Amino acid sequence: MKRILFILASIMGVTVLACAQEPERAVYGEAANRDSCFVVVSKIHPEHMSVYESRGRDTLLLAVYPVCIALNKGQKECSGDCKTPESYPGKPFIITEIKDSRRWRHDFGDGRGNILAYGHWFLLLDTPGFTGIGIHGSTNNRESISVGRGSEGCIRMLDEDLIHFKETYAQIGMPVIILPEDFGPLPFETEALSAAL
């Protein structure tokens, strides 16, 4: 059953109540070997993150999670530019730490103040040239997941999906590929999706 989000918004001074379906994760399989799992996020489709597993010559799609990435398009250039850094097959980012972030707070500069923001876990990525980029929850920002863009540079997930991802697939050393807007699907992606469905 799909969850329904009610979003209160102000448009041209008129307050409206919008109803939108909250996206849900799709799980296609369990990992046979977590060491062979990796993540792909494509900026062409910033609203989802896919988990794959290499098994011999095959690449299997294990799960697709709704996410959002940075608000602005393009390659990250500096801290505060609200862009997500990019990586490629053969040179992915790596999860270097998994930290308990339940009590972490952040001020987004939107008038809400210093609020809980990161969900249960923060999976820190090794992103050369940039610090503090990771995969984390959406506490107090759930509505951004259905949009696909809204973070300051990280990959933001629904809190319950973050827990599922961490418990089912993620580990330190896991490769994370973040493809730019002008980079098409990887050769295995279409075939893996067809096999999963």
N, C-alpha and C. Protein backbone atom coordinates (compact mmCIF):
# COMPACT_ATOMS: atom_id res chain seq x y z
N MET A 1 0.84 -1.18 0.00
CA MET A 1 0.00 0.00 0.00
C MET A 1 0.89 1.25 0.00
N LYS A 2 0.57 2.18 -0.86
CA LYS A 2 1.36 3.40 -0.94
C LYS A 2 0.96 4.37 0.16
N ARG A 3 1.96 5.07 0.70
CA ARG A 3 1.70 6.07 1.71
C ARG A 3 1.35 7.37 1.02
N ILE A 4 0.51 8.17 1.67
CA ILE A 4 0.09 9.45 1.10
C ILE A 4 0.68 10.58 1.94
N LEU A 5 1.25 11.55 1.27
CA LEU A 5 1.79 12.73 1.94
C LEU A 5 0.86 13.91 1.68
N PHE A 6 0.57 14.67 2.71
CA PHE A 6 -0.18 15.90 2.54
C PHE A 6 0.79 17.05 2.77
N ILE A 7 0.95 17.88 1.77
CA ILE A 7 1.93 18.95 1.82
C ILE A 7 1.22 20.30 1.81
N LEU A 8 1.50 21.11 2.80
CA LEU A 8 0.92 22.44 2.89
C LEU A 8 1.86 23.41 2.21
N ALA A 9 1.38 24.11 1.22
CA ALA A 9 2.25 25.02 0.48
C ALA A 9 1.57 26.36 0.29
N SER A 10 2.36 27.38 0.09
CA SER A 10 1.83 28.71 -0.17
C SER A 10 2.20 29.10 -1.59
N ILE A 11 1.19 29.31 -2.43
CA ILE A 11 1.41 29.68 -3.82
C ILE A 11 0.77 31.04 -4.05
N MET A 12 1.61 32.03 -4.36
CA MET A 12 1.14 33.39 -4.62
C MET A 12 0.23 33.89 -3.50
N GLY A 13 0.61 33.59 -2.25
CA GLY A 13 -0.15 34.09 -1.12
C GLY A 13 -1.36 33.25 -0.75
N VAL A 14 -1.68 32.23 -1.54
CA VAL A 14 -2.82 31.37 -1.24
C VAL A 14 -2.30 30.04 -0.71
N THR A 15 -2.79 29.62 0.43
CA THR A 15 -2.36 28.36 1.02
C THR A 15 -3.19 27.22 0.44
N VAL A 16 -2.50 26.18 -0.02
CA VAL A 16 -3.18 25.03 -0.61
C VAL A 16 -2.69 23.76 0.07
N LEU A 17 -3.50 22.74 0.06
CA LEU A 17 -3.14 21.44 0.58
C LEU A 17 -3.00 20.50 -0.60
N ALA A 18 -1.77 20.05 -0.85
CA ALA A 18 -1.52 19.16 -1.98
C ALA A 18 -1.35 17.73 -1.48
N CYS A 19 -1.83 16.79 -2.23
CA CYS A 19 -1.71 15.38 -1.88
C CYS A 19 -0.81 14.70 -2.90
N ALA A 20 0.20 14.02 -2.41
CA ALA A 20 1.12 13.32 -3.31
C ALA A 20 1.43 11.94 -2.75
N GLN A 21 1.61 10.98 -3.62
CA GLN A 21 1.99 9.66 -3.16
C GLN A 21 3.46 9.67 -2.80
N GLU A 22 3.75 9.13 -1.61
CA GLU A 22 5.15 9.02 -1.19
C GLU A 22 5.74 7.80 -1.89
N PRO A 23 6.89 7.95 -2.53
CA PRO A 23 7.48 6.84 -3.26
C PRO A 23 7.91 5.70 -2.34
N GLU A 24 7.96 4.49 -2.87
CA GLU A 24 8.32 3.33 -2.08
C GLU A 24 9.49 2.60 -2.72
N ARG A 25 10.24 1.90 -1.89
CA ARG A 25 11.35 1.10 -2.38
C ARG A 25 10.83 -0.16 -3.06
N ALA A 26 11.64 -0.68 -3.97
CA ALA A 26 11.35 -1.95 -4.63
C ALA A 26 12.52 -2.88 -4.36
N VAL A 27 12.25 -4.03 -3.78
CA VAL A 27 13.30 -5.01 -3.46
C VAL A 27 13.12 -6.21 -4.37
N TYR A 28 14.19 -6.57 -5.09
CA TYR A 28 14.13 -7.67 -6.05
C TYR A 28 14.91 -8.90 -5.59
N GLY A 29 15.80 -8.74 -4.60
CA GLY A 29 16.57 -9.89 -4.16
C GLY A 29 17.49 -9.59 -3.00
N GLU A 30 17.96 -10.64 -2.36
CA GLU A 30 18.93 -10.53 -1.28
C GLU A 30 20.33 -10.62 -1.86
N ALA A 31 21.28 -10.08 -1.13
CA ALA A 31 22.68 -10.15 -1.56
C ALA A 31 23.24 -11.52 -1.23
N ALA A 32 23.86 -12.17 -2.22
CA ALA A 32 24.56 -13.42 -1.96
C ALA A 32 25.89 -13.12 -1.29
N ASN A 33 26.48 -11.97 -1.62
CA ASN A 33 27.77 -11.57 -1.07
C ASN A 33 27.83 -10.05 -1.03
N ARG A 34 27.74 -9.49 0.14
CA ARG A 34 27.75 -8.02 0.26
C ARG A 34 29.00 -7.40 -0.35
N ASP A 35 30.11 -8.13 -0.34
CA ASP A 35 31.35 -7.60 -0.92
C ASP A 35 31.22 -7.33 -2.41
N SER A 36 30.21 -7.93 -3.06
CA SER A 36 30.02 -7.76 -4.50
C SER A 36 28.93 -6.74 -4.83
N CYS A 37 28.36 -6.09 -3.81
CA CYS A 37 27.28 -5.13 -4.02
C CYS A 37 27.83 -3.72 -4.24
N PHE A 38 27.11 -2.94 -5.03
CA PHE A 38 27.48 -1.55 -5.27
C PHE A 38 26.23 -0.74 -5.58
N VAL A 39 26.38 0.57 -5.53
CA VAL A 39 25.26 1.50 -5.72
C VAL A 39 25.48 2.31 -6.97
N VAL A 40 24.37 2.60 -7.68
CA VAL A 40 24.40 3.53 -8.81
C VAL A 40 23.30 4.57 -8.63
N VAL A 41 23.69 5.84 -8.70
CA VAL A 41 22.74 6.95 -8.74
C VAL A 41 23.03 7.69 -10.03
N SER A 42 22.01 7.91 -10.84
CA SER A 42 22.17 8.66 -12.07
C SER A 42 21.47 10.01 -11.93
N LYS A 43 22.18 11.08 -12.23
CA LYS A 43 21.56 12.40 -12.13
C LYS A 43 20.50 12.62 -13.20
N ILE A 44 20.44 11.74 -14.20
CA ILE A 44 19.33 11.82 -15.16
C ILE A 44 18.03 11.47 -14.45
N HIS A 45 18.12 10.55 -13.49
CA HIS A 45 16.96 10.12 -12.70
C HIS A 45 17.31 10.30 -11.22
N PRO A 46 17.34 11.56 -10.73
CA PRO A 46 17.82 11.82 -9.37
C PRO A 46 16.89 11.33 -8.28
N GLU A 47 15.75 10.77 -8.67
CA GLU A 47 14.76 10.35 -7.68
C GLU A 47 14.91 8.90 -7.23
N HIS A 48 15.94 8.20 -7.72
CA HIS A 48 16.14 6.85 -7.20
C HIS A 48 17.61 6.42 -7.19
N MET A 49 17.87 5.46 -6.32
CA MET A 49 19.20 4.88 -6.13
C MET A 49 19.06 3.37 -6.27
N SER A 50 19.92 2.77 -7.10
CA SER A 50 19.84 1.33 -7.36
C SER A 50 21.00 0.60 -6.69
N VAL A 51 20.69 -0.59 -6.16
CA VAL A 51 21.72 -1.45 -5.57
C VAL A 51 21.85 -2.67 -6.47
N TYR A 52 23.09 -2.95 -6.88
CA TYR A 52 23.40 -4.08 -7.76
C TYR A 52 24.37 -5.03 -7.07
N GLU A 53 24.42 -6.25 -7.58
CA GLU A 53 25.42 -7.21 -7.13
C GLU A 53 26.05 -7.88 -8.35
N SER A 54 27.37 -7.91 -8.38
CA SER A 54 28.08 -8.64 -9.43
C SER A 54 28.16 -10.10 -9.02
N ARG A 55 27.67 -10.98 -9.89
CA ARG A 55 27.75 -12.42 -9.65
C ARG A 55 28.32 -13.06 -10.90
N GLY A 56 29.61 -13.36 -10.86
CA GLY A 56 30.27 -13.89 -12.05
C GLY A 56 30.23 -12.87 -13.16
N ARG A 57 29.66 -13.27 -14.31
CA ARG A 57 29.56 -12.35 -15.45
C ARG A 57 28.26 -11.54 -15.43
N ASP A 58 27.39 -11.84 -14.47
CA ASP A 58 26.10 -11.17 -14.40
C ASP A 58 26.12 -10.03 -13.38
N THR A 59 25.29 -9.04 -13.63
CA THR A 59 25.04 -7.97 -12.66
C THR A 59 23.55 -7.98 -12.38
N LEU A 60 23.19 -8.21 -11.12
CA LEU A 60 21.79 -8.33 -10.73
C LEU A 60 21.32 -7.08 -10.00
N LEU A 61 20.11 -6.64 -10.32
CA LEU A 61 19.48 -5.53 -9.61
C LEU A 61 18.84 -6.10 -8.35
N LEU A 62 19.25 -5.59 -7.19
CA LEU A 62 18.71 -6.08 -5.92
C LEU A 62 17.63 -5.18 -5.35
N ALA A 63 17.78 -3.87 -5.50
CA ALA A 63 16.81 -2.95 -4.91
C ALA A 63 16.89 -1.58 -5.57
N VAL A 64 15.77 -0.88 -5.52
CA VAL A 64 15.71 0.51 -5.96
C VAL A 64 15.03 1.30 -4.85
N TYR A 65 15.71 2.34 -4.38
CA TYR A 65 15.19 3.19 -3.30
C TYR A 65 14.87 4.58 -3.83
N PRO A 66 13.76 5.17 -3.37
CA PRO A 66 13.54 6.58 -3.69
C PRO A 66 14.53 7.43 -2.90
N VAL A 67 15.12 8.41 -3.55
CA VAL A 67 16.09 9.30 -2.91
C VAL A 67 15.94 10.70 -3.48
N CYS A 68 16.69 11.61 -2.92
CA CYS A 68 16.90 12.89 -3.60
C CYS A 68 18.38 13.23 -3.47
N ILE A 69 18.86 13.95 -4.45
CA ILE A 69 20.24 14.41 -4.44
C ILE A 69 20.23 15.93 -4.34
N ALA A 70 21.36 16.55 -4.62
CA ALA A 70 21.49 18.00 -4.42
C ALA A 70 20.50 18.81 -5.25
N LEU A 71 20.16 19.93 -4.70
CA LEU A 71 19.21 20.85 -5.32
C LEU A 71 19.65 21.30 -6.71
N ASN A 72 20.94 21.58 -6.89
CA ASN A 72 21.45 22.12 -8.16
C ASN A 72 22.09 21.04 -9.02
N LYS A 73 21.99 21.20 -10.32
CA LYS A 73 22.59 20.26 -11.26
C LYS A 73 24.08 20.54 -11.43
N GLY A 74 24.78 19.55 -12.01
CA GLY A 74 26.19 19.73 -12.33
C GLY A 74 27.13 19.14 -11.29
N GLN A 75 28.40 19.10 -11.65
CA GLN A 75 29.44 18.57 -10.79
C GLN A 75 29.73 19.53 -9.63
N LYS A 76 29.88 18.97 -8.46
CA LYS A 76 30.22 19.79 -7.29
C LYS A 76 31.55 20.49 -7.51
N GLU A 77 31.58 21.79 -7.20
CA GLU A 77 32.79 22.59 -7.39
C GLU A 77 33.35 23.12 -6.08
N CYS A 78 32.45 23.41 -5.13
CA CYS A 78 32.91 23.96 -3.86
C CYS A 78 31.86 23.70 -2.78
N SER A 79 32.29 23.81 -1.54
CA SER A 79 31.38 23.64 -0.41
C SER A 79 30.28 24.70 -0.48
N GLY A 80 29.05 24.27 -0.26
CA GLY A 80 27.92 25.19 -0.25
C GLY A 80 27.26 25.43 -1.58
N ASP A 81 27.73 24.76 -2.67
CA ASP A 81 27.12 25.01 -3.98
C ASP A 81 25.88 24.15 -4.23
N CYS A 82 25.49 23.34 -3.25
CA CYS A 82 24.29 22.49 -3.35
C CYS A 82 24.32 21.62 -4.61
N LYS A 83 25.49 21.00 -4.88
CA LYS A 83 25.66 20.06 -5.98
C LYS A 83 26.21 18.75 -5.42
N THR A 84 25.85 17.65 -6.04
CA THR A 84 26.34 16.34 -5.64
C THR A 84 27.57 15.99 -6.46
N PRO A 85 28.66 15.56 -5.81
CA PRO A 85 29.85 15.17 -6.57
C PRO A 85 29.58 13.94 -7.42
N GLU A 86 30.35 13.78 -8.49
CA GLU A 86 30.13 12.69 -9.45
C GLU A 86 31.30 11.72 -9.45
N SER A 87 30.98 10.46 -9.71
CA SER A 87 32.01 9.43 -9.85
C SER A 87 31.59 8.49 -10.98
N TYR A 88 32.51 7.64 -11.39
CA TYR A 88 32.28 6.81 -12.57
C TYR A 88 32.63 5.35 -12.31
N PRO A 89 32.14 4.44 -13.18
CA PRO A 89 32.59 3.06 -13.07
C PRO A 89 34.11 3.01 -13.18
N GLY A 90 34.73 2.19 -12.39
CA GLY A 90 36.19 2.12 -12.38
C GLY A 90 36.82 3.09 -11.41
N LYS A 91 36.08 4.13 -11.02
CA LYS A 91 36.58 5.09 -10.03
C LYS A 91 35.41 5.58 -9.17
N PRO A 92 34.76 4.65 -8.47
CA PRO A 92 33.60 5.02 -7.66
C PRO A 92 34.02 5.67 -6.34
N PHE A 93 33.07 6.31 -5.69
CA PHE A 93 33.26 6.70 -4.30
C PHE A 93 33.12 5.42 -3.46
N ILE A 94 33.57 5.49 -2.21
CA ILE A 94 33.52 4.33 -1.32
C ILE A 94 32.90 4.76 0.01
N ILE A 95 32.05 3.91 0.58
CA ILE A 95 31.56 4.16 1.93
C ILE A 95 32.72 3.89 2.89
N THR A 96 33.12 4.92 3.64
CA THR A 96 34.27 4.78 4.53
C THR A 96 33.89 4.65 6.00
N GLU A 97 32.72 5.16 6.38
CA GLU A 97 32.26 5.07 7.76
C GLU A 97 30.75 4.97 7.79
N ILE A 98 30.23 4.28 8.80
CA ILE A 98 28.79 4.24 9.05
C ILE A 98 28.59 4.73 10.47
N LYS A 99 28.01 5.93 10.59
CA LYS A 99 27.91 6.59 11.89
C LYS A 99 26.46 6.68 12.34
N ASP A 100 26.25 6.53 13.65
CA ASP A 100 24.93 6.74 14.24
C ASP A 100 24.65 8.24 14.23
N SER A 101 23.65 8.66 13.48
CA SER A 101 23.38 10.10 13.31
C SER A 101 22.00 10.50 13.84
N ARG A 102 21.43 9.67 14.70
CA ARG A 102 20.08 9.96 15.22
C ARG A 102 19.96 11.31 15.91
N ARG A 103 21.04 11.77 16.52
CA ARG A 103 20.99 13.03 17.27
C ARG A 103 21.63 14.19 16.50
N TRP A 104 22.05 13.94 15.27
CA TRP A 104 22.70 15.01 14.50
C TRP A 104 21.67 16.04 14.05
N ARG A 105 22.06 17.29 14.15
CA ARG A 105 21.17 18.39 13.79
C ARG A 105 21.82 19.22 12.69
N HIS A 106 20.98 19.99 11.99
CA HIS A 106 21.50 20.86 10.93
C HIS A 106 20.54 22.03 10.73
N ASP A 107 21.11 23.18 10.44
CA ASP A 107 20.31 24.36 10.11
C ASP A 107 20.38 24.55 8.60
N PHE A 108 19.26 24.34 7.93
CA PHE A 108 19.20 24.45 6.47
C PHE A 108 19.03 25.90 6.00
N GLY A 109 18.95 26.83 6.93
CA GLY A 109 18.81 28.23 6.56
C GLY A 109 17.43 28.56 6.01
N ASP A 110 16.44 27.73 6.38
CA ASP A 110 15.08 27.95 5.86
C ASP A 110 14.11 28.43 6.94
N GLY A 111 14.67 28.85 8.07
CA GLY A 111 13.83 29.38 9.13
C GLY A 111 13.38 28.36 10.16
N ARG A 112 13.69 27.09 9.94
CA ARG A 112 13.28 26.06 10.90
C ARG A 112 14.29 25.89 12.03
N GLY A 113 15.46 26.50 11.89
CA GLY A 113 16.47 26.42 12.93
C GLY A 113 17.29 25.14 12.85
N ASN A 114 17.95 24.82 13.94
CA ASN A 114 18.84 23.67 14.04
C ASN A 114 18.00 22.43 14.38
N ILE A 115 17.66 21.62 13.36
CA ILE A 115 16.71 20.52 13.53
C ILE A 115 17.37 19.17 13.30
N LEU A 116 16.75 18.10 13.82
CA LEU A 116 17.18 16.75 13.50
C LEU A 116 17.02 16.55 12.01
N ALA A 117 18.06 15.96 11.35
CA ALA A 117 18.03 15.99 9.89
C ALA A 117 18.52 14.75 9.18
N TYR A 118 19.21 13.81 9.85
CA TYR A 118 19.96 12.79 9.12
C TYR A 118 19.48 11.36 9.28
N GLY A 119 18.40 11.13 10.00
CA GLY A 119 17.94 9.76 10.19
C GLY A 119 18.86 8.99 11.11
N HIS A 120 18.75 7.67 11.08
CA HIS A 120 19.48 6.82 12.02
C HIS A 120 20.96 6.68 11.68
N TRP A 121 21.29 6.67 10.40
CA TRP A 121 22.67 6.41 9.98
C TRP A 121 23.16 7.46 8.99
N PHE A 122 24.47 7.72 9.04
CA PHE A 122 25.13 8.55 8.05
C PHE A 122 26.26 7.70 7.47
N LEU A 123 26.14 7.35 6.19
CA LEU A 123 27.14 6.53 5.51
C LEU A 123 28.06 7.49 4.76
N LEU A 124 29.21 7.75 5.36
CA LEU A 124 30.15 8.73 4.83
C LEU A 124 30.84 8.19 3.58
N LEU A 125 30.89 9.02 2.54
CA LEU A 125 31.55 8.65 1.29
C LEU A 125 32.92 9.32 1.19
N ASP A 126 33.87 8.59 0.64
CA ASP A 126 35.17 9.17 0.29
C ASP A 126 34.99 9.86 -1.05
N THR A 127 34.85 11.18 -1.02
CA THR A 127 34.65 11.99 -2.22
C THR A 127 35.83 12.94 -2.33
N PRO A 128 36.89 12.54 -3.04
CA PRO A 128 38.11 13.35 -3.11
C PRO A 128 37.82 14.82 -3.45
N GLY A 129 38.38 15.70 -2.63
CA GLY A 129 38.18 17.13 -2.83
C GLY A 129 37.05 17.71 -2.02
N PHE A 130 36.20 16.85 -1.46
CA PHE A 130 35.05 17.33 -0.69
C PHE A 130 34.88 16.47 0.56
N THR A 131 34.38 17.08 1.63
CA THR A 131 34.15 16.36 2.88
C THR A 131 32.68 16.44 3.27
N GLY A 132 32.26 15.50 4.10
CA GLY A 132 30.90 15.55 4.64
C GLY A 132 29.82 15.10 3.70
N ILE A 133 30.16 14.43 2.60
CA ILE A 133 29.15 13.93 1.65
C ILE A 133 28.85 12.48 2.00
N GLY A 134 27.57 12.14 2.05
CA GLY A 134 27.21 10.77 2.39
C GLY A 134 25.79 10.41 1.98
N ILE A 135 25.38 9.26 2.44
CA ILE A 135 24.02 8.76 2.26
C ILE A 135 23.39 8.80 3.65
N HIS A 136 22.23 9.44 3.76
CA HIS A 136 21.61 9.60 5.08
C HIS A 136 20.10 9.68 4.96
N GLY A 137 19.45 9.80 6.11
CA GLY A 137 17.99 9.85 6.16
C GLY A 137 17.42 11.21 5.84
N SER A 138 16.10 11.31 6.01
CA SER A 138 15.39 12.53 5.61
C SER A 138 14.56 13.11 6.74
N THR A 139 14.97 12.87 7.99
CA THR A 139 14.22 13.39 9.13
C THR A 139 13.93 14.88 8.93
N ASN A 140 12.67 15.23 9.02
CA ASN A 140 12.19 16.61 8.82
C ASN A 140 12.32 17.10 7.38
N ASN A 141 12.60 16.19 6.43
CA ASN A 141 12.69 16.56 5.01
C ASN A 141 12.12 15.46 4.10
N ARG A 142 11.16 14.71 4.60
CA ARG A 142 10.61 13.57 3.84
C ARG A 142 10.04 13.99 2.48
N GLU A 143 9.43 15.17 2.44
CA GLU A 143 8.77 15.61 1.21
C GLU A 143 9.76 15.79 0.06
N SER A 144 11.04 16.00 0.37
CA SER A 144 12.04 16.21 -0.69
C SER A 144 12.30 14.94 -1.49
N ILE A 145 12.03 13.78 -0.92
CA ILE A 145 12.32 12.51 -1.59
C ILE A 145 11.49 12.36 -2.86
N SER A 146 10.24 12.78 -2.82
CA SER A 146 9.37 12.63 -3.99
C SER A 146 9.75 13.59 -5.12
N VAL A 147 10.58 14.59 -4.83
CA VAL A 147 10.97 15.59 -5.82
C VAL A 147 12.22 15.16 -6.58
N GLY A 148 13.14 14.46 -5.89
CA GLY A 148 14.37 14.01 -6.53
C GLY A 148 15.56 14.93 -6.33
N ARG A 149 15.29 16.20 -6.02
CA ARG A 149 16.37 17.16 -5.77
C ARG A 149 15.99 18.01 -4.56
N GLY A 150 16.96 18.24 -3.68
CA GLY A 150 16.65 19.05 -2.51
C GLY A 150 17.72 19.05 -1.45
N SER A 151 18.73 18.19 -1.56
CA SER A 151 19.77 18.15 -0.53
C SER A 151 20.85 19.19 -0.82
N GLU A 152 21.80 19.29 0.10
CA GLU A 152 22.91 20.22 -0.08
C GLU A 152 24.09 19.56 -0.79
N GLY A 153 23.95 18.27 -1.14
CA GLY A 153 25.02 17.55 -1.83
C GLY A 153 25.00 16.06 -1.58
N CYS A 154 24.37 15.65 -0.48
CA CYS A 154 24.30 14.23 -0.12
C CYS A 154 23.20 13.50 -0.87
N ILE A 155 23.18 12.19 -0.69
CA ILE A 155 22.07 11.35 -1.15
C ILE A 155 21.15 11.16 0.05
N ARG A 156 19.93 11.65 -0.06
CA ARG A 156 18.98 11.62 1.05
C ARG A 156 17.92 10.55 0.80
N MET A 157 17.68 9.71 1.82
CA MET A 157 16.70 8.61 1.72
C MET A 157 15.61 8.79 2.78
N LEU A 158 14.49 8.09 2.58
CA LEU A 158 13.51 7.98 3.65
C LEU A 158 14.17 7.25 4.81
N ASP A 159 13.87 7.63 6.04
CA ASP A 159 14.54 7.06 7.21
C ASP A 159 14.43 5.54 7.26
N GLU A 160 13.24 5.01 6.98
CA GLU A 160 13.06 3.55 7.04
C GLU A 160 13.82 2.84 5.92
N ASP A 161 13.95 3.51 4.77
CA ASP A 161 14.72 2.92 3.66
C ASP A 161 16.22 2.93 3.98
N LEU A 162 16.67 3.98 4.65
CA LEU A 162 18.07 4.04 5.06
C LEU A 162 18.40 2.86 5.98
N ILE A 163 17.53 2.58 6.93
CA ILE A 163 17.75 1.46 7.85
C ILE A 163 17.77 0.15 7.07
N HIS A 164 16.83 -0.03 6.14
CA HIS A 164 16.78 -1.24 5.33
C HIS A 164 18.04 -1.39 4.49
N PHE A 165 18.48 -0.31 3.86
CA PHE A 165 19.69 -0.34 3.03
C PHE A 165 20.91 -0.71 3.87
N LYS A 166 21.03 -0.10 5.03
CA LYS A 166 22.17 -0.36 5.91
C LYS A 166 22.16 -1.81 6.39
N GLU A 167 21.01 -2.31 6.79
CA GLU A 167 20.93 -3.66 7.35
C GLU A 167 21.01 -4.75 6.29
N THR A 168 20.62 -4.44 5.05
CA THR A 168 20.51 -5.47 4.02
C THR A 168 21.68 -5.50 3.05
N TYR A 169 22.21 -4.34 2.68
CA TYR A 169 23.22 -4.29 1.61
C TYR A 169 24.50 -3.55 1.97
N ALA A 170 24.40 -2.43 2.66
CA ALA A 170 25.53 -1.52 2.81
C ALA A 170 26.60 -2.06 3.74
N GLN A 171 27.83 -1.64 3.48
CA GLN A 171 28.95 -1.93 4.37
C GLN A 171 30.09 -0.98 4.03
N ILE A 172 31.02 -0.87 4.95
CA ILE A 172 32.21 -0.07 4.69
C ILE A 172 32.97 -0.71 3.53
N GLY A 173 33.39 0.12 2.59
CA GLY A 173 34.07 -0.36 1.39
C GLY A 173 33.16 -0.50 0.19
N MET A 174 31.85 -0.30 0.37
CA MET A 174 30.90 -0.45 -0.74
C MET A 174 31.11 0.67 -1.77
N PRO A 175 31.25 0.33 -3.06
CA PRO A 175 31.38 1.36 -4.10
C PRO A 175 30.06 2.07 -4.37
N VAL A 176 30.15 3.37 -4.61
CA VAL A 176 28.98 4.20 -4.93
C VAL A 176 29.31 5.01 -6.17
N ILE A 177 28.57 4.76 -7.25
CA ILE A 177 28.76 5.47 -8.52
C ILE A 177 27.67 6.54 -8.63
N ILE A 178 28.06 7.77 -8.88
CA ILE A 178 27.09 8.87 -9.08
C ILE A 178 27.36 9.46 -10.45
N LEU A 179 26.49 9.13 -11.39
CA LEU A 179 26.69 9.52 -12.79
C LEU A 179 26.14 10.92 -13.09
N PRO A 180 26.83 11.70 -13.91
CA PRO A 180 26.36 13.05 -14.26
C PRO A 180 25.13 13.03 -15.17
N GLU A 181 24.53 14.20 -15.34
CA GLU A 181 23.31 14.32 -16.13
C GLU A 181 23.48 13.89 -17.58
N ASP A 182 24.68 14.03 -18.14
CA ASP A 182 24.88 13.70 -19.56
C ASP A 182 25.44 12.30 -19.78
N PHE A 183 25.40 11.46 -18.75
CA PHE A 183 25.94 10.11 -18.84
C PHE A 183 24.78 9.13 -18.88
N GLY A 184 24.64 8.40 -19.98
CA GLY A 184 23.52 7.47 -20.15
C GLY A 184 23.63 6.26 -19.24
N PRO A 185 22.66 5.35 -19.33
CA PRO A 185 22.67 4.15 -18.49
C PRO A 185 23.93 3.31 -18.73
N LEU A 186 24.39 2.67 -17.67
CA LEU A 186 25.52 1.76 -17.80
C LEU A 186 25.07 0.52 -18.57
N PRO A 187 25.98 -0.16 -19.28
CA PRO A 187 25.59 -1.28 -20.15
C PRO A 187 24.73 -2.35 -19.48
N PHE A 188 24.97 -2.64 -18.23
CA PHE A 188 24.25 -3.72 -17.55
C PHE A 188 22.90 -3.29 -17.00
N GLU A 189 22.63 -1.99 -16.89
CA GLU A 189 21.45 -1.54 -16.16
C GLU A 189 20.12 -1.98 -16.78
N THR A 190 19.96 -1.84 -18.09
CA THR A 190 18.71 -2.21 -18.74
C THR A 190 18.45 -3.70 -18.61
N GLU A 191 19.49 -4.50 -18.85
CA GLU A 191 19.36 -5.95 -18.76
C GLU A 191 19.04 -6.39 -17.33
N ALA A 192 19.68 -5.75 -16.34
CA ALA A 192 19.45 -6.11 -14.94
C ALA A 192 18.03 -5.77 -14.53
N LEU A 193 17.50 -4.63 -15.00
CA LEU A 193 16.14 -4.26 -14.67
C LEU A 193 15.15 -5.22 -15.31
N SER A 194 15.37 -5.56 -16.57
CA SER A 194 14.48 -6.52 -17.25
C SER A 194 14.46 -7.86 -16.53
N ALA A 195 15.62 -8.32 -16.10
CA ALA A 195 15.70 -9.61 -15.39
C ALA A 195 14.99 -9.54 -14.04
N ALA A 196 15.08 -8.40 -13.37
CA ALA A 196 14.44 -8.25 -12.06
C ALA A 196 12.93 -8.24 -12.16
N LEU A 197 12.43 -7.65 -13.25
CA LEU A 197 10.97 -7.56 -13.41
C LEU A 197 10.43 -8.86 -13.99
